[in-house]
Amino acid sequence: MHRTFSVSLPSSHTDRLLDQLRPLAYVVGLSIERGSSIKPPGDVLTIQVLNRGADEVLRCVADVCQQQSFSVATAELASLIDLENHALIEKDYDEAVWEEIETGLRHNGRLTPNYVALMGIGGVVAAVGLVSDPAPQAVSIVAAAVLAPGFDPLAKVALGVLNRRKQLILMGLRNTLIGYGVLILCAGLSFWLMRLTGATTVADFINNPEVKSLSDPDMKQYLMSIGGAIAGGIIVASYRDSFIAGALMAMAFIHAAAMVGVSLVAGQWHYAVQGLERFGLDALFIVVGCYLVFGLKQVLVHNRKPIV
């Protein structure tokens, strides 16, 4: 999608920014409201820009407004109609800017009651799948992958490493540890409740084909996880969050983490270690895969650091 930027900046810097923006071919629309911004005080520029020019616009804003009080709001355009620039519009690409990527990861992976609750529910659903027959198990694998927002905190770590943002790395690690701790706990409690009510047994767990697959993965499973990790990074970087479920379903880290909780309650320490190993590998695939994707995007597309 194309972008609209609303830039509030000091009036003393407006004309200089306008001089830099006017010649840019990918800036399709440019308007100004002088003196209309109250917070921060100054002028407001409204910029309609193609994705190809979004980074250049933000680069100009950062250059002109450095050390000044300014703000930038970004929004997607449902469509952009301009007869003069129709050829450019047709050739635009699908990339998010760094600020939007970080905002999306912050929103989806923020440590809130909603995030913690969804991770816990994902653990419950995954635990049911680990002791179920193939048909309901398939539903569980898909549902747990979609429900638990476990990809974004790990992707945040990769983004923080790439952009050398210590706070982003620490937040990603903290949210990962707390989120997956809750998932493991809820998975274990779910298995305990199922055993208590006679719905399942330890034998159902250790003899389940999915548990054996998680315990002894082969190259097929690893390739699926690697593909899912890289696809997830591309989806985040291209602002296609509605497709992230497909990448998560290709991986096993949600069920592997649930397997740790179930194994601990079942007294199966061997399976707990193997579940932790599989979870650790998938988590590593996510961090490395996203780092590679984000790194390539930096070299081939963005060529700039985030404004803040």
Protein backbone atom coordinates (compact mmCIF):
# COMPACT_ATOMS: atom_id res chain seq x y z
CA MET A 1 0.00 0.00 0.00
CA HIS A 2 1.07 3.58 -0.63
CA ARG A 3 1.65 5.94 2.28
CA THR A 4 0.43 9.23 3.71
CA PHE A 5 2.79 11.04 6.07
CA SER A 6 1.57 13.83 8.30
CA VAL A 7 4.59 15.78 9.51
CA SER A 8 4.33 18.41 12.25
CA LEU A 9 7.47 20.53 12.44
CA PRO A 10 8.70 24.01 13.45
CA SER A 11 7.67 26.71 10.99
CA SER A 12 11.30 27.81 10.66
CA HIS A 13 12.18 24.46 9.04
CA THR A 14 9.16 24.03 6.76
CA ASP A 15 10.47 25.74 3.63
CA ARG A 16 13.75 23.83 3.77
CA LEU A 17 11.89 20.51 3.97
CA LEU A 18 9.59 21.53 1.14
CA ASP A 19 12.61 22.29 -1.03
CA GLN A 20 13.89 18.75 -0.45
CA LEU A 21 10.53 17.05 -1.02
CA ARG A 22 9.36 18.85 -4.18
CA PRO A 23 11.92 17.25 -6.55
CA LEU A 24 11.26 13.68 -5.34
CA ALA A 25 9.56 11.71 -8.12
CA TYR A 26 7.82 9.33 -5.72
CA VAL A 27 6.15 12.15 -3.79
CA VAL A 28 2.78 12.28 -5.57
CA GLY A 29 0.98 14.77 -3.32
CA LEU A 30 2.28 17.52 -1.07
CA SER A 31 0.25 20.07 0.90
CA ILE A 32 0.85 22.39 3.83
CA GLU A 33 -1.16 23.96 6.64
CA ARG A 34 0.89 26.76 8.12
CA GLY A 35 0.62 27.33 11.83
CA SER A 36 -2.00 24.60 12.30
CA SER A 37 0.01 22.31 14.59
CA ILE A 38 -0.42 22.97 18.28
CA LYS A 39 1.58 20.05 19.62
CA PRO A 40 4.36 20.25 18.57
CA PRO A 41 3.88 23.90 17.55
CA GLY A 42 4.41 24.75 13.90
CA ASP A 43 3.22 23.69 10.47
CA VAL A 44 1.73 20.45 9.17
CA LEU A 45 2.85 18.85 5.92
CA THR A 46 0.71 16.14 4.36
CA ILE A 47 2.65 13.93 1.97
CA GLN A 48 1.27 11.23 -0.32
CA VAL A 49 4.20 9.06 -1.30
CA LEU A 50 4.82 5.74 -2.99
CA ASN A 51 6.46 2.99 -0.97
CA ARG A 52 9.55 3.40 -3.12
CA GLY A 53 10.00 6.92 -1.80
CA ALA A 54 8.91 6.46 1.81
CA ASP A 55 12.42 6.01 3.18
CA GLU A 56 13.73 9.01 1.25
CA VAL A 57 10.94 11.20 2.66
CA LEU A 58 11.71 10.09 6.21
CA ARG A 59 15.41 10.61 5.56
CA CYS A 60 14.67 14.20 4.54
CA VAL A 61 12.50 14.78 7.60
CA ALA A 62 15.20 13.44 9.93
CA ASP A 63 17.87 15.55 8.21
CA VAL A 64 15.91 18.81 8.31
CA CYS A 65 14.35 18.40 11.75
CA GLN A 66 17.25 16.94 13.71
CA GLN A 67 17.50 18.32 17.25
CA GLN A 68 14.04 19.89 16.79
CA SER A 69 10.62 18.98 18.18
CA PHE A 70 8.68 17.23 15.42
CA SER A 71 6.35 14.29 14.88
CA VAL A 72 5.47 12.00 11.98
CA ALA A 73 2.27 9.99 11.63
CA THR A 74 2.10 7.32 8.91
CA ALA A 75 -0.98 5.78 7.33
CA GLU A 76 -1.77 3.42 4.46
CA LEU A 77 -3.67 4.65 1.42
CA ALA A 78 -6.38 2.36 0.08
CA SER A 79 -5.63 3.73 -3.38
CA LEU A 80 -3.74 6.55 -5.03
CA ILE A 81 -5.14 7.99 -8.25
CA ASP A 82 -2.96 10.36 -10.23
CA LEU A 83 -3.01 10.36 -14.04
CA GLU A 84 0.36 12.06 -14.35
CA ASN A 85 2.09 9.53 -12.07
CA HIS A 86 0.06 6.45 -13.00
CA ALA A 87 3.08 4.58 -14.42
CA LEU A 88 5.04 5.07 -11.20
CA ILE A 89 2.07 4.03 -9.09
CA GLU A 90 1.66 0.82 -11.09
CA LYS A 91 5.30 -0.13 -10.44
CA ASP A 92 5.29 0.57 -6.70
CA TYR A 93 6.39 -2.23 -4.34
CA ASP A 94 5.20 -3.66 -1.02
CA GLU A 95 7.61 -2.66 1.73
CA ALA A 96 7.08 -1.33 5.23
CA VAL A 97 9.40 1.31 6.67
CA TRP A 98 11.43 0.59 9.80
CA GLU A 99 9.15 2.65 12.02
CA GLU A 100 6.08 0.68 10.91
CA ILE A 101 7.85 -2.65 11.35
CA GLU A 102 8.86 -1.75 14.89
CA THR A 103 5.39 -0.43 15.71
CA GLY A 104 3.77 -3.64 14.44
CA LEU A 105 6.12 -5.83 16.49
CA ARG A 106 5.59 -3.61 19.53
CA HIS A 107 1.81 -3.89 19.21
CA ASN A 108 1.63 -7.65 18.64
CA GLY A 109 4.37 -8.64 21.07
CA ARG A 110 3.87 -6.10 23.85
CA LEU A 111 3.66 -7.50 27.38
CA THR A 112 -0.03 -6.83 28.06
CA PRO A 113 -2.83 -8.92 29.62
CA ASN A 114 -4.03 -9.70 26.08
CA TYR A 115 -0.62 -11.01 25.02
CA VAL A 116 -0.24 -13.12 28.18
CA ALA A 117 -3.79 -14.47 27.89
CA LEU A 118 -3.34 -15.47 24.23
CA MET A 119 -0.05 -17.21 25.00
CA GLY A 120 -1.74 -19.12 27.82
CA ILE A 121 -4.68 -20.12 25.64
CA GLY A 122 -2.27 -21.21 22.94
CA GLY A 123 -0.63 -23.47 25.52
CA VAL A 124 -3.99 -24.99 26.47
CA VAL A 125 -4.92 -25.69 22.86
CA ALA A 126 -1.48 -27.11 22.07
CA ALA A 127 -1.58 -29.40 25.10
CA VAL A 128 -4.90 -30.86 23.92
CA GLY A 129 -3.34 -31.52 20.53
CA LEU A 130 -0.43 -33.44 22.05
CA VAL A 131 -2.81 -36.11 23.40
CA SER A 132 -5.36 -36.12 20.56
CA ASP A 133 -6.01 -38.24 17.47
CA PRO A 134 -4.73 -36.96 14.08
CA ALA A 135 -7.86 -35.06 12.99
CA PRO A 136 -8.40 -32.92 16.14
CA GLN A 137 -4.64 -32.70 16.51
CA ALA A 138 -4.36 -30.96 13.12
CA VAL A 139 -6.93 -28.42 14.29
CA SER A 140 -4.96 -27.91 17.49
CA ILE A 141 -1.67 -27.33 15.67
CA VAL A 142 -3.23 -24.72 13.41
CA ALA A 143 -5.24 -23.02 16.17
CA ALA A 144 -2.37 -22.82 18.67
CA ALA A 145 -0.04 -21.36 16.01
CA VAL A 146 -2.60 -18.69 15.15
CA LEU A 147 -3.70 -17.88 18.71
CA ALA A 148 -0.34 -17.55 20.46
CA PRO A 149 1.51 -14.35 19.39
CA GLY A 150 4.89 -15.98 19.94
CA PHE A 151 6.64 -14.91 16.73
CA ASP A 152 6.75 -11.15 17.23
CA PRO A 153 8.90 -10.93 20.41
CA LEU A 154 11.57 -13.08 18.76
CA ALA A 155 11.42 -11.01 15.56
CA LYS A 156 11.81 -7.94 17.77
CA VAL A 157 15.09 -9.35 19.08
CA ALA A 158 16.36 -9.72 15.50
CA LEU A 159 15.34 -6.15 14.64
CA GLY A 160 17.03 -4.85 17.78
CA VAL A 161 20.27 -6.66 16.96
CA LEU A 162 20.26 -5.33 13.39
CA ASN A 163 19.59 -1.72 14.39
CA ARG A 164 21.72 -1.96 17.55
CA ARG A 165 18.78 -1.13 19.79
CA LYS A 166 19.57 -2.58 23.22
CA GLN A 167 16.15 -1.72 24.63
CA LEU A 168 14.40 -3.51 21.76
CA ILE A 169 16.51 -6.64 22.34
CA LEU A 170 15.82 -6.65 26.09
CA MET A 171 12.09 -6.11 25.60
CA GLY A 172 11.93 -8.92 23.06
CA LEU A 173 13.79 -11.33 25.34
CA ARG A 174 11.69 -10.38 28.38
CA ASN A 175 8.41 -10.78 26.54
CA THR A 176 9.57 -14.09 25.06
CA LEU A 177 10.52 -15.51 28.46
CA ILE A 178 7.32 -14.39 30.17
CA GLY A 179 5.04 -15.32 27.28
CA TYR A 180 6.45 -18.80 26.82
CA GLY A 181 6.66 -19.30 30.56
CA VAL A 182 2.91 -18.72 30.74
CA LEU A 183 2.35 -21.00 27.73
CA ILE A 184 4.35 -23.83 29.33
CA LEU A 185 2.56 -23.37 32.65
CA CYS A 186 -0.91 -23.42 31.05
CA ALA A 187 -0.01 -26.47 28.96
CA GLY A 188 1.09 -28.33 32.07
CA LEU A 189 -2.03 -27.33 34.00
CA SER A 190 -4.23 -28.41 31.08
CA PHE A 191 -2.62 -31.84 30.99
CA TRP A 192 -3.01 -32.16 34.77
CA LEU A 193 -6.72 -31.32 34.47
CA MET A 194 -7.21 -33.79 31.60
CA ARG A 195 -5.57 -36.55 33.62
CA LEU A 196 -7.59 -35.65 36.70
CA THR A 197 -10.85 -35.97 34.78
CA GLY A 198 -9.78 -39.15 33.00
CA ALA A 199 -9.71 -37.50 29.58
CA THR A 200 -6.16 -38.66 28.89
CA THR A 201 -3.20 -40.57 30.32
CA VAL A 202 0.57 -40.31 30.28
CA ALA A 203 0.60 -43.20 27.79
CA ASP A 204 -1.58 -41.15 25.40
CA PHE A 205 1.06 -38.45 25.52
CA ILE A 206 4.25 -40.47 25.13
CA ASN A 207 2.75 -42.66 22.39
CA ASN A 208 1.36 -39.78 20.34
CA PRO A 209 2.97 -39.55 16.86
CA GLU A 210 3.27 -35.76 17.11
CA VAL A 211 5.26 -36.07 20.33
CA LYS A 212 7.61 -38.52 18.66
CA SER A 213 7.97 -36.17 15.70
CA LEU A 214 8.81 -33.25 17.99
CA SER A 215 11.26 -35.41 19.94
CA ASP A 216 13.13 -36.73 16.92
CA PRO A 217 12.74 -34.27 14.02
CA ASP A 218 14.36 -34.95 10.67
CA MET A 219 15.45 -32.63 7.87
CA LYS A 220 11.88 -32.33 6.57
CA GLN A 221 10.73 -30.76 9.84
CA TYR A 222 13.78 -28.51 9.99
CA LEU A 223 13.24 -27.27 6.44
CA MET A 224 9.60 -26.45 7.24
CA SER A 225 10.68 -24.48 10.31
CA ILE A 226 13.40 -22.61 8.43
CA GLY A 227 10.97 -21.78 5.64
CA GLY A 228 8.38 -20.58 8.14
CA ALA A 229 10.93 -18.40 9.96
CA ILE A 230 12.14 -16.71 6.77
CA ALA A 231 8.60 -16.29 5.47
CA GLY A 232 7.60 -14.72 8.77
CA GLY A 233 10.42 -12.20 8.47
CA ILE A 234 9.35 -11.29 4.93
CA ILE A 235 5.72 -10.94 6.03
CA VAL A 236 6.69 -8.59 8.87
CA ALA A 237 9.01 -6.56 6.61
CA SER A 238 6.37 -6.21 3.90
CA TYR A 239 3.58 -5.30 6.35
CA ARG A 240 1.45 -8.34 5.50
CA ASP A 241 0.44 -9.31 9.03
CA SER A 242 -2.72 -11.05 7.83
CA PHE A 243 -0.51 -13.78 6.31
CA ILE A 244 1.63 -14.44 9.40
CA ALA A 245 -0.49 -17.44 10.42
CA GLY A 246 0.83 -19.41 7.44
CA ALA A 247 4.43 -18.94 8.57
CA LEU A 248 3.59 -19.95 12.14
CA MET A 249 1.79 -23.11 11.05
CA ALA A 250 4.94 -24.24 9.24
CA MET A 251 6.87 -24.15 12.52
CA ALA A 252 6.69 -26.25 15.69
CA PHE A 253 7.82 -23.87 18.44
CA ILE A 254 4.35 -23.43 20.02
CA HIS A 255 3.71 -27.17 20.33
CA ALA A 256 7.32 -27.79 21.35
CA ALA A 257 6.97 -25.30 24.20
CA ALA A 258 3.67 -26.90 25.24
CA MET A 259 5.39 -30.28 25.17
CA VAL A 260 7.79 -29.02 27.85
CA GLY A 261 4.92 -28.19 30.21
CA VAL A 262 3.07 -31.45 29.57
CA SER A 263 6.27 -33.49 30.02
CA LEU A 264 7.06 -31.87 33.35
CA VAL A 265 3.60 -32.65 34.73
CA ALA A 266 3.78 -36.19 33.31
CA GLY A 267 7.18 -36.73 34.93
CA GLN A 268 8.77 -37.36 31.53
CA TRP A 269 11.98 -35.36 31.91
CA HIS A 270 13.49 -36.77 28.73
CA TYR A 271 10.61 -35.43 26.65
CA ALA A 272 10.81 -32.08 28.46
CA VAL A 273 14.46 -31.71 27.42
CA GLN A 274 13.68 -32.71 23.84
CA GLY A 275 10.76 -30.28 23.68
CA LEU A 276 13.01 -27.51 24.98
CA GLU A 277 15.63 -28.38 22.37
CA ARG A 278 13.07 -28.23 19.55
CA PHE A 279 11.66 -24.97 20.85
CA GLY A 280 15.16 -23.51 21.13
CA LEU A 281 16.00 -24.48 17.55
CA ASP A 282 12.82 -22.94 16.15
CA ALA A 283 13.37 -19.78 18.20
CA LEU A 284 16.91 -19.60 16.80
CA PHE A 285 15.56 -20.07 13.28
CA ILE A 286 13.20 -17.11 13.83
CA VAL A 287 15.87 -14.77 15.17
CA VAL A 288 18.44 -15.69 12.51
CA GLY A 289 15.89 -15.82 9.68
CA CYS A 290 14.41 -12.43 10.57
CA TYR A 291 17.88 -10.93 11.01
CA LEU A 292 18.86 -12.06 7.52
CA VAL A 293 15.61 -10.76 5.99
CA PHE A 294 15.82 -7.42 7.81
CA GLY A 295 19.50 -7.13 6.92
CA LEU A 296 18.80 -7.66 3.23
CA LYS A 297 15.97 -5.12 3.41
CA GLN A 298 18.36 -2.61 4.95
CA VAL A 299 20.93 -3.10 2.18
CA LEU A 300 18.56 -3.41 -0.78
CA VAL A 301 15.63 -1.18 0.23
CA HIS A 302 15.93 1.13 3.21
CA ASN A 303 19.59 2.17 3.58
CA ARG A 304 18.86 4.18 6.73
CA LYS A 305 18.39 3.80 10.46
CA PRO A 306 15.02 4.42 12.13
CA ILE A 307 14.44 8.05 13.12
CA VAL A 308 14.18 7.07 16.79
